[in-house]
Amino acid sequence: DTSGCLMEVGSITISGQGAFNYQANNQGYNKNARTIQVFSTAAQSKMYEDCPGCPYKDFKQYYDYYGEFDYANKWILAAAQGSSTSFKNGNADFTSYDFIGRGEAFKKGTAYMSVWMYVIRELEDAIDDCNVECDIDNCNEDAVHAWDEGVAFYTGSEEEKDGSGSGALLYSLADKRCANFRTCGPEGDSVSGTSNINIKIFSEFAAGQ
């Protein structure tokens, strides 16, 4: 579905700025340098072998359990293809699932396995980058950037400024489930509002800045 995409040649209007003609090579410009799939397929390098703090504790636990560095990618592909995984533990057989069931497994694996671990990776990377103290002449921008990315991937782009939107990532999951388990609100004893875990984790995100 390319509806809403820019054509290779056309005109766009920017509020207060007027109309601008453009020409672009969509195939040449579309690099897709970062994808959700790469969050998992690059995990061996970025979370286990080639980082200053490697192996990251949380990722190692998942790797030790599943026996695969790209366990999230393998889960997602198996759900998409209607096949089975071949992990050391925790295998899933999607051969008997219908399209709806496989779609749910695909979506949950994408958000809560692949993106989740990459959030942790970005926060760990920020800690790795904090080896240089920040002062007037030498400020460690890499650490700040990595921390911001971790927060962004946790939250997603659809939560709005105050978290009242309807997202599809970890922030949204916490808000949905707090209503089920009465863990919403500042005291974690309500069935509505922002989840207590989101309140707490954003306090930690702010402290990490």
Protein backbone atom coordinates (compact mmCIF):
# COMPACT_ATOMS: atom_id res chain seq x y z
CA ASP A 1 0.00 0.00 0.00
CA THR A 2 1.68 3.20 -1.18
CA SER A 3 -1.23 5.53 -0.41
CA GLY A 4 0.10 8.60 1.35
CA CYS A 5 3.59 8.13 -0.07
CA LEU A 6 5.26 10.81 -2.14
CA MET A 7 5.46 10.20 -5.87
CA GLU A 8 8.86 10.44 -7.54
CA VAL A 9 7.90 13.79 -9.08
CA GLY A 10 5.39 16.17 -7.56
CA SER A 11 4.67 19.18 -5.38
CA ILE A 12 4.18 19.53 -1.64
CA THR A 13 2.65 22.43 0.26
CA ILE A 14 4.05 23.45 3.63
CA SER A 15 1.86 25.61 5.84
CA GLY A 16 3.14 29.14 5.89
CA GLN A 17 5.85 28.38 3.35
CA GLY A 18 3.98 27.75 0.12
CA ALA A 19 4.30 25.02 -2.53
CA PHE A 20 7.55 23.32 -3.49
CA ASN A 21 8.21 21.13 -6.51
CA TYR A 22 10.46 18.14 -6.01
CA GLN A 23 11.96 15.19 -7.87
CA ALA A 24 13.33 12.12 -6.11
CA ASN A 25 14.75 8.69 -6.83
CA ASN A 26 12.73 6.58 -4.42
CA GLN A 27 14.69 3.40 -5.05
CA GLY A 28 17.98 5.19 -4.60
CA TYR A 29 16.99 7.08 -1.45
CA ASN A 30 15.16 4.27 0.36
CA LYS A 31 18.00 2.69 2.28
CA ASN A 32 16.09 1.14 5.22
CA ALA A 33 19.27 1.32 7.27
CA ARG A 34 17.42 0.30 10.44
CA THR A 35 14.53 -2.14 10.63
CA ILE A 36 12.82 -3.97 13.46
CA GLN A 37 14.18 -7.21 11.99
CA VAL A 38 17.74 -5.90 12.34
CA PHE A 39 17.07 -5.23 16.03
CA SER A 40 17.19 -9.01 16.36
CA THR A 41 19.52 -10.14 13.57
CA ALA A 42 22.26 -7.76 14.77
CA ALA A 43 21.86 -8.75 18.42
CA GLN A 44 24.86 -11.09 18.48
CA SER A 45 27.18 -8.23 17.62
CA LYS A 46 25.43 -5.39 19.44
CA MET A 47 24.46 -7.18 22.66
CA TYR A 48 26.75 -10.19 23.05
CA GLU A 49 30.14 -9.77 21.41
CA ASP A 50 31.12 -6.32 20.12
CA CYS A 51 30.07 -3.83 22.79
CA PRO A 52 32.11 -2.51 25.75
CA GLY A 53 29.65 -4.01 28.25
CA CYS A 54 29.06 -7.25 26.34
CA PRO A 55 27.45 -9.55 26.93
CA TYR A 56 24.52 -7.55 28.24
CA LYS A 57 22.97 -9.36 31.19
CA ASP A 58 19.34 -9.35 30.03
CA PHE A 59 20.14 -10.42 26.49
CA LYS A 60 22.39 -13.23 27.73
CA GLN A 61 19.51 -14.64 29.76
CA TYR A 62 17.33 -14.80 26.66
CA TYR A 63 20.14 -16.24 24.55
CA ASP A 64 20.90 -18.89 27.17
CA TYR A 65 17.22 -19.87 27.23
CA TYR A 66 16.44 -19.92 23.50
CA GLY A 67 19.90 -20.89 22.28
CA GLU A 68 19.66 -18.45 19.36
CA PHE A 69 21.02 -14.93 19.07
CA ASP A 70 18.18 -13.87 16.75
CA TYR A 71 15.45 -15.70 18.66
CA ALA A 72 12.98 -12.84 18.16
CA ASN A 73 13.48 -12.81 14.40
CA LYS A 74 13.07 -16.59 14.21
CA TRP A 75 9.84 -16.42 16.26
CA ILE A 76 8.42 -13.66 14.05
CA LEU A 77 9.32 -15.44 10.80
CA ALA A 78 7.84 -18.72 12.03
CA ALA A 79 4.60 -16.92 12.89
CA ALA A 80 4.53 -15.22 9.48
CA GLN A 81 5.25 -18.46 7.59
CA GLY A 82 3.10 -20.77 9.70
CA SER A 83 6.08 -22.93 10.64
CA SER A 84 7.83 -24.02 13.85
CA THR A 85 10.82 -22.73 15.77
CA SER A 86 13.75 -24.94 16.76
CA PHE A 87 14.94 -23.26 19.95
CA LYS A 88 16.74 -24.96 22.80
CA ASN A 89 13.74 -24.05 24.98
CA GLY A 90 10.38 -22.37 24.50
CA ASN A 91 9.53 -23.59 21.01
CA ALA A 92 6.40 -22.46 19.21
CA ASP A 93 4.52 -24.43 16.54
CA PHE A 94 2.43 -22.18 14.33
CA THR A 95 1.50 -24.85 11.76
CA SER A 96 -2.01 -25.24 13.17
CA TYR A 97 -2.67 -21.53 13.71
CA ASP A 98 -5.02 -19.64 11.42
CA PHE A 99 -4.11 -16.28 9.90
CA ILE A 100 -5.51 -14.32 12.85
CA GLY A 101 -3.59 -16.36 15.42
CA ARG A 102 -0.35 -16.12 13.49
CA GLY A 103 -0.89 -12.39 13.04
CA GLU A 104 -1.21 -11.93 16.80
CA ALA A 105 1.98 -13.92 17.42
CA PHE A 106 3.74 -11.88 14.72
CA LYS A 107 2.69 -8.57 16.24
CA LYS A 108 3.46 -9.59 19.82
CA GLY A 109 6.84 -11.00 18.86
CA THR A 110 7.72 -7.83 17.00
CA ALA A 111 6.80 -5.43 19.81
CA TYR A 112 7.49 -7.44 22.94
CA MET A 113 10.45 -9.61 21.91
CA SER A 114 12.40 -7.71 19.25
CA VAL A 115 11.69 -4.07 20.18
CA TRP A 116 11.75 -4.81 23.91
CA MET A 117 15.27 -6.19 23.85
CA TYR A 118 16.47 -3.35 21.65
CA VAL A 119 15.16 -0.84 24.18
CA ILE A 120 17.40 -2.50 26.76
CA ARG A 121 20.26 -2.48 24.27
CA GLU A 122 19.97 1.29 23.74
CA LEU A 123 19.96 1.94 27.49
CA GLU A 124 22.97 -0.36 27.96
CA ASP A 125 24.69 1.39 25.06
CA ALA A 126 24.09 4.75 26.76
CA ILE A 127 25.79 3.43 29.88
CA ASP A 128 28.70 2.16 27.78
CA ASP A 129 29.01 5.61 26.20
CA CYS A 130 29.15 7.34 29.58
CA ASN A 131 32.84 6.50 30.02
CA VAL A 132 33.70 10.14 29.28
CA GLU A 133 32.48 12.71 31.79
CA CYS A 134 30.46 15.55 30.30
CA ASP A 135 31.96 19.01 30.62
CA ILE A 136 31.96 22.25 28.65
CA ASP A 137 34.60 21.09 26.18
CA ASN A 138 33.74 17.41 25.94
CA CYS A 139 30.11 16.36 26.23
CA ASN A 140 29.22 12.75 25.55
CA GLU A 141 26.42 13.24 23.03
CA ASP A 142 26.43 9.54 22.05
CA ALA A 143 25.18 8.54 25.48
CA VAL A 144 22.38 11.12 25.40
CA HIS A 145 21.36 10.02 21.91
CA ALA A 146 21.29 6.32 22.83
CA TRP A 147 19.23 7.02 25.97
CA ASP A 148 16.72 9.05 23.97
CA GLU A 149 16.44 6.25 21.43
CA GLY A 150 15.72 3.75 24.18
CA VAL A 151 12.91 5.94 25.50
CA ALA A 152 11.56 6.47 21.97
CA PHE A 153 11.50 2.75 21.16
CA TYR A 154 9.82 2.00 24.51
CA THR A 155 7.11 4.58 23.87
CA GLY A 156 6.51 4.63 20.13
CA SER A 157 5.35 7.53 17.99
CA GLU A 158 1.60 7.38 18.65
CA GLU A 159 1.37 8.04 22.39
CA GLU A 160 1.18 11.84 22.04
CA LYS A 161 2.97 14.23 24.41
CA ASP A 162 1.17 13.07 27.54
CA GLY A 163 0.87 9.35 26.78
CA SER A 164 -2.85 9.57 26.07
CA GLY A 165 -2.55 8.22 22.53
CA SER A 166 -3.04 4.68 21.33
CA GLY A 167 0.34 3.13 20.63
CA ALA A 168 1.53 -0.36 19.82
CA LEU A 169 4.71 -0.78 21.83
CA LEU A 170 5.70 -1.32 25.47
CA TYR A 171 4.22 1.86 26.92
CA SER A 172 0.86 0.94 25.45
CA LEU A 173 1.07 -2.65 26.71
CA ALA A 174 1.67 -1.47 30.27
CA ASP A 175 -1.33 0.87 30.13
CA LYS A 176 -3.58 -1.84 28.67
CA ARG A 177 -2.65 -4.49 31.22
CA CYS A 178 -2.77 -2.25 34.29
CA ALA A 179 -6.54 -2.16 33.84
CA ASN A 180 -6.60 -5.98 33.97
CA PHE A 181 -4.46 -6.27 37.10
CA ARG A 182 -5.42 -3.07 38.96
CA THR A 183 -1.93 -1.61 38.72
CA CYS A 184 -2.75 1.80 37.20
CA GLY A 185 -2.15 5.16 38.80
CA PRO A 186 0.52 6.63 41.09
CA GLU A 187 -0.19 4.06 43.80
CA GLY A 188 -0.67 1.10 41.47
CA ASP A 189 -4.16 0.39 42.84
CA SER A 190 -6.47 1.64 40.08
CA VAL A 191 -8.03 0.15 36.94
CA SER A 192 -7.72 3.31 34.86
CA GLY A 193 -5.17 5.93 33.95
CA THR A 194 -1.46 5.62 33.31
CA SER A 195 0.09 2.37 34.49
CA ASN A 196 2.17 2.53 37.63
CA ILE A 197 5.07 0.93 35.77
CA ASN A 198 5.03 3.70 33.15
CA ILE A 199 5.00 6.34 35.88
CA LYS A 200 7.98 4.68 37.54
CA ILE A 201 9.97 3.94 34.41
CA PHE A 202 9.62 7.49 33.11
CA SER A 203 10.90 8.73 36.44
CA GLU A 204 13.94 6.50 35.87
CA PHE A 205 14.25 7.69 32.25
CA ALA A 206 14.33 11.28 33.51
CA ALA A 207 16.92 10.41 36.16
CA GLY A 208 19.03 8.71 33.51
CA GLN A 209 19.23 11.93 31.52
